[in-house]
C-alpha cells in the first residue's frame, strides 16, 4: 500500500511541476542572500581584519534568522 503511494507521487508529473514552482523562488532567494553576504564581506575587506570578522559573525546570525523565516 505504501509503495503504491510513493510510486504514484514519483510518477506524477503535476506534483513535480508544483514542487518546482514552489521551490524556485526559495532557491533564488537563498542564492541572492548568500551573494549579498559575500559582497558585504568583500566590501569590508578593505577596512581591516577585525571588521571582516565582525561581518562574518553578523552574517552567521543573519543566515540563521533567514533560515527560520524561509525554511
PDB file of N, CA and C in Angstrom:
ATOM      1  N   UNK A   1       0.828  -1.192   0.000  1.00  0.00           N
ATOM      2  CA  UNK A   1       0.000   0.000   0.000  1.00  0.00           C
ATOM      3  C   UNK A   1       0.870   1.253   0.000  1.00  0.00           C
ATOM      4  N   UNK A   2       1.882   1.326   0.889  1.00  0.00           N
ATOM      5  CA  UNK A   2       2.756   2.489   0.947  1.00  0.00           C
ATOM      6  C   UNK A   2       3.593   2.639  -0.307  1.00  0.00           C
ATOM      7  N   UNK A   3       4.015   1.511  -0.863  1.00  0.00           N
ATOM      8  CA  UNK A   3       4.823   1.544  -2.080  1.00  0.00           C
ATOM      9  C   UNK A   3       4.033   2.134  -3.235  1.00  0.00           C
ATOM     10  N   UNK A   4       2.765   1.789  -3.319  1.00  0.00           N
ATOM     11  CA  UNK A   4       1.925   2.314  -4.395  1.00  0.00           C
ATOM     12  C   UNK A   4       1.741   3.821  -4.271  1.00  0.00           C
ATOM     13  N   UNK A   5       1.656   4.324  -3.035  1.00  0.00           N
ATOM     14  CA  UNK A   5       1.528   5.774  -2.837  1.00  0.00           C
ATOM     15  C   UNK A   5       2.785   6.491  -3.313  1.00  0.00           C
ATOM     16  N   UNK A   6       3.950   5.961  -2.915  1.00  0.00           N
ATOM     17  CA  UNK A   6       5.221   6.583  -3.307  1.00  0.00           C
ATOM     18  C   UNK A   6       5.382   6.537  -4.818  1.00  0.00           C
ATOM     19  N   UNK A   7       5.090   5.409  -5.429  1.00  0.00           N
ATOM     20  CA  UNK A   7       5.206   5.287  -6.875  1.00  0.00           C
ATOM     21  C   UNK A   7       4.237   6.234  -7.571  1.00  0.00           C
ATOM     22  N   UNK A   8       3.062   6.396  -7.002  1.00  0.00           N
ATOM     23  CA  UNK A   8       2.086   7.312  -7.585  1.00  0.00           C
ATOM     24  C   UNK A   8       2.555   8.753  -7.540  1.00  0.00           C
ATOM     25  N   UNK A   9       3.186   9.154  -6.437  1.00  0.00           N
ATOM     26  CA  UNK A   9       3.686  10.527  -6.312  1.00  0.00           C
ATOM     27  C   UNK A   9       4.880  10.741  -7.230  1.00  0.00           C
ATOM     28  N   UNK A  10       5.817   9.785  -7.254  1.00  0.00           N
ATOM     29  CA  UNK A  10       7.019   9.942  -8.068  1.00  0.00           C
ATOM     30  C   UNK A  10       6.706   9.917  -9.557  1.00  0.00           C
ATOM     31  N   UNK A  11       5.654   9.234  -9.929  1.00  0.00           N
ATOM     32  CA  UNK A  11       5.281   9.182 -11.332  1.00  0.00           C
ATOM     33  C   UNK A  11       4.374  10.327 -11.749  1.00  0.00           C
ATOM     34  N   UNK A  12       3.997  11.168 -10.812  1.00  0.00           N
ATOM     35  CA  UNK A  12       3.059  12.247 -11.084  1.00  0.00           C
ATOM     36  C   UNK A  12       3.815  13.497 -11.520  1.00  0.00           C
ATOM     37  N   UNK A  13       3.729  13.822 -12.799  1.00  0.00           N
ATOM     38  CA  UNK A  13       4.432  14.982 -13.353  1.00  0.00           C
ATOM     39  C   UNK A  13       3.887  16.292 -12.774  1.00  0.00           C
ATOM     40  N   UNK A  14       2.607  16.348 -12.529  1.00  0.00           N
ATOM     41  CA  UNK A  14       1.971  17.557 -11.977  1.00  0.00           C
ATOM     42  C   UNK A  14       2.540  17.885 -10.596  1.00  0.00           C
ATOM     43  N   UNK A  15       2.808  16.853  -9.792  1.00  0.00           N
ATOM     44  CA  UNK A  15       3.391  17.056  -8.464  1.00  0.00           C
ATOM     45  C   UNK A  15       4.746  17.752  -8.564  1.00  0.00           C
ATOM     46  N   UNK A  16       5.599  17.288  -9.471  1.00  0.00           N
ATOM     47  CA  UNK A  16       6.930  17.872  -9.604  1.00  0.00           C
ATOM     48  C   UNK A  16       6.883  19.277 -10.201  1.00  0.00           C
ATOM     49  N   UNK A  17       5.932  19.539 -11.066  1.00  0.00           N
ATOM     50  CA  UNK A  17       5.773  20.898 -11.588  1.00  0.00           C
ATOM     51  C   UNK A  17       5.385  21.855 -10.470  1.00  0.00           C
ATOM     52  N   UNK A  18       4.461  21.440  -9.626  1.00  0.00           N
ATOM     53  CA  UNK A  18       4.053  22.263  -8.489  1.00  0.00           C
ATOM     54  C   UNK A  18       5.201  22.450  -7.513  1.00  0.00           C
ATOM     55  N   UNK A  19       5.936  21.375  -7.251  1.00  0.00           N
ATOM     56  CA  UNK A  19       7.090  21.454  -6.356  1.00  0.00           C
ATOM     57  C   UNK A  19       8.130  22.424  -6.898  1.00  0.00           C
ATOM     58  N   UNK A  20       8.393  22.389  -8.190  1.00  0.00           N
ATOM     59  CA  UNK A  20       9.370  23.281  -8.811  1.00  0.00           C
ATOM     60  C   UNK A  20       8.916  24.736  -8.707  1.00  0.00           C
ATOM     61  N   UNK A  21       7.641  24.978  -8.928  1.00  0.00           N
ATOM     62  CA  UNK A  21       7.108  26.342  -8.837  1.00  0.00           C
ATOM     63  C   UNK A  21       7.269  26.888  -7.421  1.00  0.00           C
ATOM     64  N   UNK A  22       7.109  26.035  -6.420  1.00  0.00           N
ATOM     65  CA  UNK A  22       7.263  26.472  -5.029  1.00  0.00           C
ATOM     66  C   UNK A  22       8.729  26.605  -4.626  1.00  0.00           C
ATOM     67  N   UNK A  23       9.573  25.727  -5.120  1.00  0.00           N
ATOM     68  CA  UNK A  23      10.975  25.699  -4.682  1.00  0.00           C
ATOM     69  C   UNK A  23      11.830  26.753  -5.371  1.00  0.00           C
ATOM     70  N   UNK A  24      11.534  27.087  -6.604  1.00  0.00           N
ATOM     71  CA  UNK A  24      12.382  28.013  -7.360  1.00  0.00           C
ATOM     72  C   UNK A  24      12.544  29.376  -6.685  1.00  0.00           C
ATOM     73  N   UNK A  25      11.492  30.038  -6.218  1.00  0.00           N
ATOM     74  CA  UNK A  25      11.695  31.323  -5.542  1.00  0.00           C
ATOM     75  C   UNK A  25      12.536  31.210  -4.272  1.00  0.00           C
ATOM     76  N   UNK A  26      12.404  30.106  -3.550  1.00  0.00           N
ATOM     77  CA  UNK A  26      13.196  29.917  -2.336  1.00  0.00           C
ATOM     78  C   UNK A  26      14.662  29.742  -2.687  1.00  0.00           C
ATOM     79  N   UNK A  27      14.945  28.984  -3.727  1.00  0.00           N
ATOM     80  CA  UNK A  27      16.330  28.782  -4.169  1.00  0.00           C
ATOM     81  C   UNK A  27      16.940  30.104  -4.606  1.00  0.00           C
ATOM     82  N   UNK A  28      16.209  30.876  -5.380  1.00  0.00           N
ATOM     83  CA  UNK A  28      16.711  32.175  -5.850  1.00  0.00           C
ATOM     84  C   UNK A  28      16.956  33.109  -4.673  1.00  0.00           C
ATOM     85  N   UNK A  29      16.042  33.131  -3.720  1.00  0.00           N
ATOM     86  CA  UNK A  29      16.216  33.995  -2.553  1.00  0.00           C
ATOM     87  C   UNK A  29      17.459  33.607  -1.762  1.00  0.00           C
ATOM     88  N   UNK A  30      17.671  32.320  -1.550  1.00  0.00           N
ATOM     89  CA  UNK A  30      18.850  31.885  -0.803  1.00  0.00           C
ATOM     90  C   UNK A  30      20.140  32.211  -1.544  1.00  0.00           C
ATOM     91  N   UNK A  31      20.146  32.080  -2.863  1.00  0.00           N
ATOM     92  CA  UNK A  31      21.331  32.451  -3.639  1.00  0.00           C
ATOM     93  C   UNK A  31      21.608  33.949  -3.550  1.00  0.00           C
ATOM     94  N   UNK A  32      20.558  34.754  -3.620  1.00  0.00           N
ATOM     95  CA  UNK A  32      20.738  36.203  -3.522  1.00  0.00           C
ATOM     96  C   UNK A  32      21.237  36.619  -2.144  1.00  0.00           C
ATOM     97  N   UNK A  33      20.724  36.007  -1.103  1.00  0.00           N
ATOM     98  CA  UNK A  33      21.157  36.348   0.252  1.00  0.00           C
ATOM     99  C   UNK A  33      22.604  35.930   0.471  1.00  0.00           C
ATOM    100  N   UNK A  34      22.980  34.757  -0.037  1.00  0.00           N
ATOM    101  CA  UNK A  34      24.377  34.327   0.082  1.00  0.00           C
ATOM    102  C   UNK A  34      25.294  35.267  -0.687  1.00  0.00           C
ATOM    103  N   UNK A  35      24.856  35.703  -1.854  1.00  0.00           N
ATOM    104  CA  UNK A  35      25.648  36.659  -2.634  1.00  0.00           C
ATOM    105  C   UNK A  35      25.780  37.985  -1.898  1.00  0.00           C
ATOM    106  N   UNK A  36      24.707  38.425  -1.281  1.00  0.00           N
ATOM    107  CA  UNK A  36      24.743  39.670  -0.518  1.00  0.00           C
ATOM    108  C   UNK A  36      25.742  39.579   0.628  1.00  0.00           C
ATOM    109  N   UNK A  37      25.738  38.460   1.340  1.00  0.00           N
ATOM    110  CA  UNK A  37      26.683  38.276   2.435  1.00  0.00           C
ATOM    111  C   UNK A  37      28.121  38.269   1.932  1.00  0.00           C
ATOM    112  N   UNK A  38      28.356  37.627   0.794  1.00  0.00           N
ATOM    113  CA  UNK A  38      29.701  37.598   0.233  1.00  0.00           C
ATOM    114  C   UNK A  38      30.143  38.996  -0.199  1.00  0.00           C
ATOM    115  N   UNK A  39      29.248  39.745  -0.800  1.00  0.00           N
ATOM    116  CA  UNK A  39      29.575  41.106  -1.231  1.00  0.00           C
ATOM    117  C   UNK A  39      29.846  41.998  -0.026  1.00  0.00           C
ATOM    118  N   UNK A  40      29.075  41.837   1.045  1.00  0.00           N
ATOM    119  CA  UNK A  40      29.347  42.587   2.279  1.00  0.00           C
ATOM    120  C   UNK A  40      30.761  42.321   2.779  1.00  0.00           C
ATOM    121  N   UNK A  41      31.137  41.064   2.779  1.00  0.00           N
ATOM    122  CA  UNK A  41      32.469  40.694   3.251  1.00  0.00           C
ATOM    123  C   UNK A  41      33.549  41.261   2.339  1.00  0.00           C
ATOM    124  N   UNK A  42      33.345  41.190   1.033  1.00  0.00           N
ATOM    125  CA  UNK A  42      34.337  41.727   0.096  1.00  0.00           C
ATOM    126  C   UNK A  42      34.472  43.241   0.225  1.00  0.00           C
ATOM    127  N   UNK A  43      33.365  43.930   0.436  1.00  0.00           N
ATOM    128  CA  UNK A  43      33.424  45.388   0.565  1.00  0.00           C
ATOM    129  C   UNK A  43      34.145  45.803   1.840  1.00  0.00           C
ATOM    130  N   UNK A  44      33.953  45.066   2.908  1.00  0.00           N
ATOM    131  CA  UNK A  44      34.533  45.443   4.189  1.00  0.00           C
ATOM    132  C   UNK A  44      35.982  44.966   4.298  1.00  0.00           C
ATOM    133  N   UNK A  45      36.420  44.094   3.379  1.00  0.00           N
ATOM    134  CA  UNK A  45      37.782  43.550   3.437  1.00  0.00           C
ATOM    135  C   UNK A  45      38.839  44.638   3.332  1.00  0.00           C
ATOM    136  N   UNK A  46      38.527  45.733   2.679  1.00  0.00           N
ATOM    137  CA  UNK A  46      39.496  46.818   2.540  1.00  0.00           C
ATOM    138  C   UNK A  46      39.700  47.568   3.850  1.00  0.00           C
ATOM    139  N   UNK A  47      38.773  47.449   4.782  1.00  0.00           N
ATOM    140  CA  UNK A  47      38.848  48.204   6.033  1.00  0.00           C
ATOM    141  C   UNK A  47      39.807  47.559   7.023  1.00  0.00           C
ATOM    142  N   UNK A  48      39.639  46.256   7.251  1.00  0.00           N
ATOM    143  CA  UNK A  48      40.538  45.608   8.199  1.00  0.00           C
ATOM    144  C   UNK A  48      40.082  44.223   8.591  1.00  0.00           C
ATOM    145  N   UNK A  49      40.981  43.536   9.285  1.00  0.00           N
ATOM    146  CA  UNK A  49      40.739  42.149   9.652  1.00  0.00           C
ATOM    147  C   UNK A  49      39.641  42.007  10.713  1.00  0.00           C
ATOM    148  N   UNK A  50      39.641  42.869  11.702  1.00  0.00           N
ATOM    149  CA  UNK A  50      38.618  42.794  12.750  1.00  0.00           C
ATOM    150  C   UNK A  50      37.228  43.068  12.192  1.00  0.00           C
ATOM    151  N   UNK A  51      37.155  43.983  11.261  1.00  0.00           N
ATOM    152  CA  UNK A  51      35.866  44.313  10.654  1.00  0.00           C
ATOM    153  C   UNK A  51      35.329  43.147   9.830  1.00  0.00           C
ATOM    154  N   UNK A  52      36.232  42.455   9.120  1.00  0.00           N
ATOM    155  CA  UNK A  52      35.820  41.283   8.342  1.00  0.00           C
ATOM    156  C   UNK A  52      35.287  40.195   9.277  1.00  0.00           C
ATOM    157  N   UNK A  53      35.955  40.014  10.412  1.00  0.00           N
ATOM    158  CA  UNK A  53      35.491  39.029  11.392  1.00  0.00           C
ATOM    159  C   UNK A  53      34.111  39.406  11.924  1.00  0.00           C
ATOM    160  N   UNK A  54      33.895  40.687  12.179  1.00  0.00           N
ATOM    161  CA  UNK A  54      32.597  41.138  12.683  1.00  0.00           C
ATOM    162  C   UNK A  54      31.497  40.907  11.653  1.00  0.00           C
ATOM    163  N   UNK A  55      31.787  41.195  10.396  1.00  0.00           N
ATOM    164  CA  UNK A  55      30.796  40.968   9.343  1.00  0.00           C
ATOM    165  C   UNK A  55      30.523  39.474   9.189  1.00  0.00           C
ATOM    166  N   UNK A  56      31.553  38.651   9.312  1.00  0.00           N
ATOM    167  CA  UNK A  56      31.361  37.203   9.234  1.00  0.00           C
ATOM    168  C   UNK A  56      30.458  36.685  10.335  1.00  0.00           C
ATOM    169  N   UNK A  57      30.652  37.187  11.537  1.00  0.00           N
ATOM    170  CA  UNK A  57      29.790  36.779  12.655  1.00  0.00           C
ATOM    171  C   UNK A  57      28.361  37.268  12.434  1.00  0.00           C
ATOM    172  N   UNK A  58      28.220  38.507  11.994  1.00  0.00           N
ATOM    173  CA  UNK A  58      26.882  39.045  11.734  1.00  0.00           C
ATOM    174  C   UNK A  58      26.184  38.260  10.625  1.00  0.00           C
ATOM    175  N   UNK A  59      26.932  37.854   9.606  1.00  0.00           N
ATOM    176  CA  UNK A  59      26.343  37.071   8.518  1.00  0.00           C
ATOM    177  C   UNK A  59      25.837  35.718   9.007  1.00  0.00           C
ATOM    178  N   UNK A  60      26.531  35.127   9.968  1.00  0.00           N
ATOM    179  CA  UNK A  60      26.072  33.847  10.510  1.00  0.00           C
ATOM    180  C   UNK A  60      24.730  34.011  11.228  1.00  0.00           C
ATOM    181  N   UNK A  61      24.601  35.067  12.016  1.00  0.00           N
ATOM    182  CA  UNK A  61      23.329  35.315  12.698  1.00  0.00           C
ATOM    183  C   UNK A  61      22.225  35.638  11.694  1.00  0.00           C
ATOM    184  N   UNK A  62      22.572  36.413  10.676  1.00  0.00           N
ATOM    185  CA  UNK A  62      21.599  36.754   9.647  1.00  0.00           C
ATOM    186  C   UNK A  62      21.147  35.500   8.903  1.00  0.00           C
ATOM    187  N   UNK A  63      22.083  34.587   8.636  1.00  0.00           N
ATOM    188  CA  UNK A  63      21.740  33.335   7.965  1.00  0.00           C
ATOM    189  C   UNK A  63      20.773  32.511   8.814  1.00  0.00           C
ATOM    190  N   UNK A  64      21.033  32.403  10.104  1.00  0.00           N
ATOM    191  CA  UNK A  64      20.138  31.648  10.985  1.00  0.00           C
ATOM    192  C   UNK A  64      18.751  32.281  11.044  1.00  0.00           C
ATOM    193  N   UNK A  65      18.719  33.609  11.119  1.00  0.00           N
ATOM    194  CA  UNK A  65      17.445  34.326  11.129  1.00  0.00           C
ATOM    195  C   UNK A  65      16.679  34.066   9.834  1.00  0.00           C
ATOM    196  N   UNK A  66      17.376  34.152   8.716  1.00  0.00           N
ATOM    197  CA  UNK A  66      16.752  33.912   7.421  1.00  0.00           C
ATOM    198  C   UNK A  66      16.285  32.468   7.293  1.00  0.00           C
ATOM    199  N   UNK A  67      17.049  31.547   7.831  1.00  0.00           N
ATOM    200  CA  UNK A  67      16.678  30.138   7.786  1.00  0.00           C
ATOM    201  C   UNK A  67      15.385  29.887   8.553  1.00  0.00           C
ATOM    202  N   UNK A  68      15.222  30.548   9.682  1.00  0.00           N
ATOM    203  CA  UNK A  68      13.993  30.386  10.460  1.00  0.00           C
ATOM    204  C   UNK A  68      12.788  30.978   9.734  1.00  0.00           C
ATOM    205  N   UNK A  69      13.010  32.058   9.006  1.00  0.00           N
ATOM    206  CA  UNK A  69      11.897  32.711   8.312  1.00  0.00           C
ATOM    207  C   UNK A  69      11.487  31.945   7.057  1.00  0.00           C
ATOM    208  N   UNK A  70      12.470  31.590   6.224  1.00  0.00           N
ATOM    209  CA  UNK A  70      12.139  30.987   4.933  1.00  0.00           C
ATOM    210  C   UNK A  70      12.135  29.470   4.941  1.00  0.00           C
ATOM    211  N   UNK A  71      12.828  28.873   5.876  1.00  0.00           N
ATOM    212  CA  UNK A  71      12.857  27.411   5.915  1.00  0.00           C
ATOM    213  C   UNK A  71      13.970  26.929   5.147  1.00  0.00           C
TER     214      UNK A  71
END
